[in-house]
Protein backbone atom coordinates (compact mmCIF):
# COMPACT_ATOMS: atom_id res chain seq x y z
CA UNK A 1 167.55 220.63 -1.56
CA UNK A 2 165.34 217.92 -3.96
CA UNK A 3 168.33 215.83 -4.83
CA UNK A 4 166.31 213.48 -7.50
CA UNK A 5 165.82 210.05 -5.42
CA UNK A 6 166.98 206.57 -7.52
CA UNK A 7 165.08 204.00 -4.83
CA UNK A 8 164.54 200.47 -5.76
CA UNK A 9 161.15 199.10 -5.04
CA UNK A 10 160.31 195.92 -4.91
CA UNK A 11 157.21 194.53 -6.29
CA UNK A 12 154.50 192.37 -4.71
CA UNK A 13 155.02 188.45 -5.46
CA UNK A 14 151.62 186.98 -6.66
CA UNK A 15 151.80 184.10 -4.86
CA UNK A 16 148.26 182.37 -5.69
CA UNK A 17 148.25 181.01 -9.17
CA UNK A 18 144.63 180.46 -9.36
CA UNK A 19 141.26 181.11 -7.35
CA UNK A 20 139.27 179.18 -7.02
CA UNK A 21 139.35 176.59 -4.01
CA UNK A 22 138.46 172.75 -5.44
CA UNK A 23 140.50 171.39 -7.24
CA UNK A 24 139.53 167.60 -8.86
CA UNK A 25 142.10 164.64 -7.04
CA UNK A 26 142.64 160.99 -7.46
CA UNK A 27 140.66 161.23 -3.75
CA UNK A 28 138.14 163.04 -5.69
CA UNK A 29 136.98 167.20 -5.21
CA UNK A 30 139.10 168.34 -2.50
CA UNK A 31 139.98 171.81 -1.22
CA UNK A 32 143.25 173.15 -3.04
CA UNK A 33 146.70 172.95 -0.80
CA UNK A 34 150.32 173.75 -1.43
CA UNK A 35 153.31 172.12 0.76
CA UNK A 36 156.28 173.75 0.91
CA UNK A 37 159.40 171.58 -0.35
CA UNK A 38 162.09 173.41 1.60
CA UNK A 39 159.57 174.70 5.13
CA UNK A 40 156.80 171.83 5.14
CA UNK A 41 154.95 174.21 5.79
CA UNK A 42 150.75 173.79 4.16
CA UNK A 43 148.48 176.48 3.00
CA UNK A 44 145.36 176.35 1.52
CA UNK A 45 145.18 177.34 -2.26
CA UNK A 46 147.29 176.75 -5.27
CA UNK A 47 150.62 178.33 -4.84
CA UNK A 48 153.54 180.17 -6.73
CA UNK A 49 155.60 180.74 -3.22
CA UNK A 50 155.14 179.83 0.47
CA UNK A 51 153.80 182.19 2.79
CA UNK A 52 156.34 181.64 5.27
CA UNK A 53 159.67 181.37 3.82
CA UNK A 54 159.57 182.63 0.50
CA UNK A 55 160.39 179.45 -1.70
CA UNK A 56 159.36 178.38 -5.31
CA UNK A 57 159.64 175.11 -4.35
CA UNK A 58 156.14 174.44 -3.85
CA UNK A 59 154.00 171.34 -4.21
CA UNK A 60 149.99 171.71 -5.34
CA UNK A 61 148.45 168.94 -2.88
CA UNK A 62 144.67 167.90 -1.73
CA UNK A 63 144.16 168.97 2.03
CA UNK A 64 141.70 167.32 3.70
CA UNK A 65 138.33 166.09 3.36
CA UNK A 66 137.46 165.98 7.02
CA UNK A 67 137.89 168.47 10.28
CA UNK A 68 136.54 170.02 13.58
CA UNK A 69 134.71 173.04 14.43
CA UNK A 70 136.93 175.90 15.63
CA UNK A 71 134.23 178.82 15.50
CA UNK A 72 130.97 179.77 13.48
CA UNK A 73 128.62 182.26 14.05
CA UNK A 74 124.50 181.58 11.75
CA UNK A 75 124.42 185.81 9.74
CA UNK A 76 121.32 186.94 9.35
CA UNK A 77 120.93 188.31 5.71
CA UNK A 78 117.56 190.08 4.60
CA UNK A 79 115.23 188.23 2.83
CA UNK A 80 118.26 185.47 2.24
CA UNK A 81 117.66 184.25 5.62
CA UNK A 82 120.58 182.21 7.61
CA UNK A 83 124.01 181.70 6.37
CA UNK A 84 126.33 179.44 8.10
CA UNK A 85 129.78 180.21 8.54
CA UNK A 86 132.96 178.93 9.85
CA UNK A 87 136.13 178.50 11.38
CA UNK A 88 137.35 174.52 10.33
CA UNK A 89 140.46 173.02 11.71
CA UNK A 90 141.74 170.69 8.29
CA UNK A 91 142.57 167.52 9.97
CA UNK A 92 146.50 166.33 9.84
CA UNK A 93 147.70 170.04 8.33
CA UNK A 94 147.56 173.15 10.34
CA UNK A 95 145.57 175.10 8.07
CA UNK A 96 142.02 177.52 9.16
CA UNK A 97 139.51 178.35 5.99
CA UNK A 98 136.90 180.28 6.57
CA UNK A 99 134.71 178.27 4.92
CA UNK A 100 130.13 178.16 4.91
CA UNK A 101 128.04 175.63 6.72
CA UNK A 102 125.68 172.76 5.33
CA UNK A 103 123.19 172.52 8.33
CA UNK A 104 120.79 170.56 6.23
CA UNK A 105 121.05 167.62 7.92
CA UNK A 106 121.24 168.95 11.44
CA UNK A 107 123.15 172.01 13.37
CA UNK A 108 126.69 172.06 13.60
CA UNK A 109 128.80 171.75 17.35
CA UNK A 110 132.23 173.97 18.10
CA UNK A 111 135.03 171.08 17.84
CA UNK A 112 132.08 168.89 16.07
CA UNK A 113 133.41 166.89 12.95
CA UNK A 114 132.84 168.18 9.83
CA UNK A 115 133.18 166.82 6.37
CA UNK A 116 133.48 168.77 2.83
CA UNK A 117 130.77 169.09 0.75
CA UNK A 118 131.30 170.00 -3.16
CA UNK A 119 128.17 170.80 -5.37
CA UNK A 120 129.08 172.10 -8.57
CA UNK A 121 131.36 174.94 -8.15
CA UNK A 122 129.18 175.43 -4.24
CA UNK A 123 131.02 173.81 -1.79
CA UNK A 124 130.88 173.86 1.89
CA UNK A 125 131.29 172.16 5.30
CA UNK A 126 129.03 169.55 7.19
CA UNK A 127 128.77 168.19 10.51
CA UNK A 128 129.32 163.97 10.81
CA UNK A 129 126.70 162.63 12.15
CA UNK A 130 128.28 160.76 14.98
CA UNK A 131 126.81 156.64 15.62
């Protein structure tokens, strides 16, 4: 018995308004974030809907330019050399992001302080020198 089914299917909601992670703010070039006005969640990316509560009452914000290095690795990529990558916990918000690491001024360390470095369209986190 094959009865036709008229099931309603929900369409996926695109939650990102833009794929570019860097934006210009009063503070300068920063990672783009979104803060939900309904539940208070802060997220990476310019979103049109909250990933936690699905509210559309969201605002674009500049994320902190500093954080601490949670974990990292160095990828050895053929003739391209070494590409350091790490998870960075941004200061003051509950946002963790996977990012390239800039070790041109010294090696990174676990739990070490890092700062966002933007050069054109490229961005990475670099260690902050301790005094």
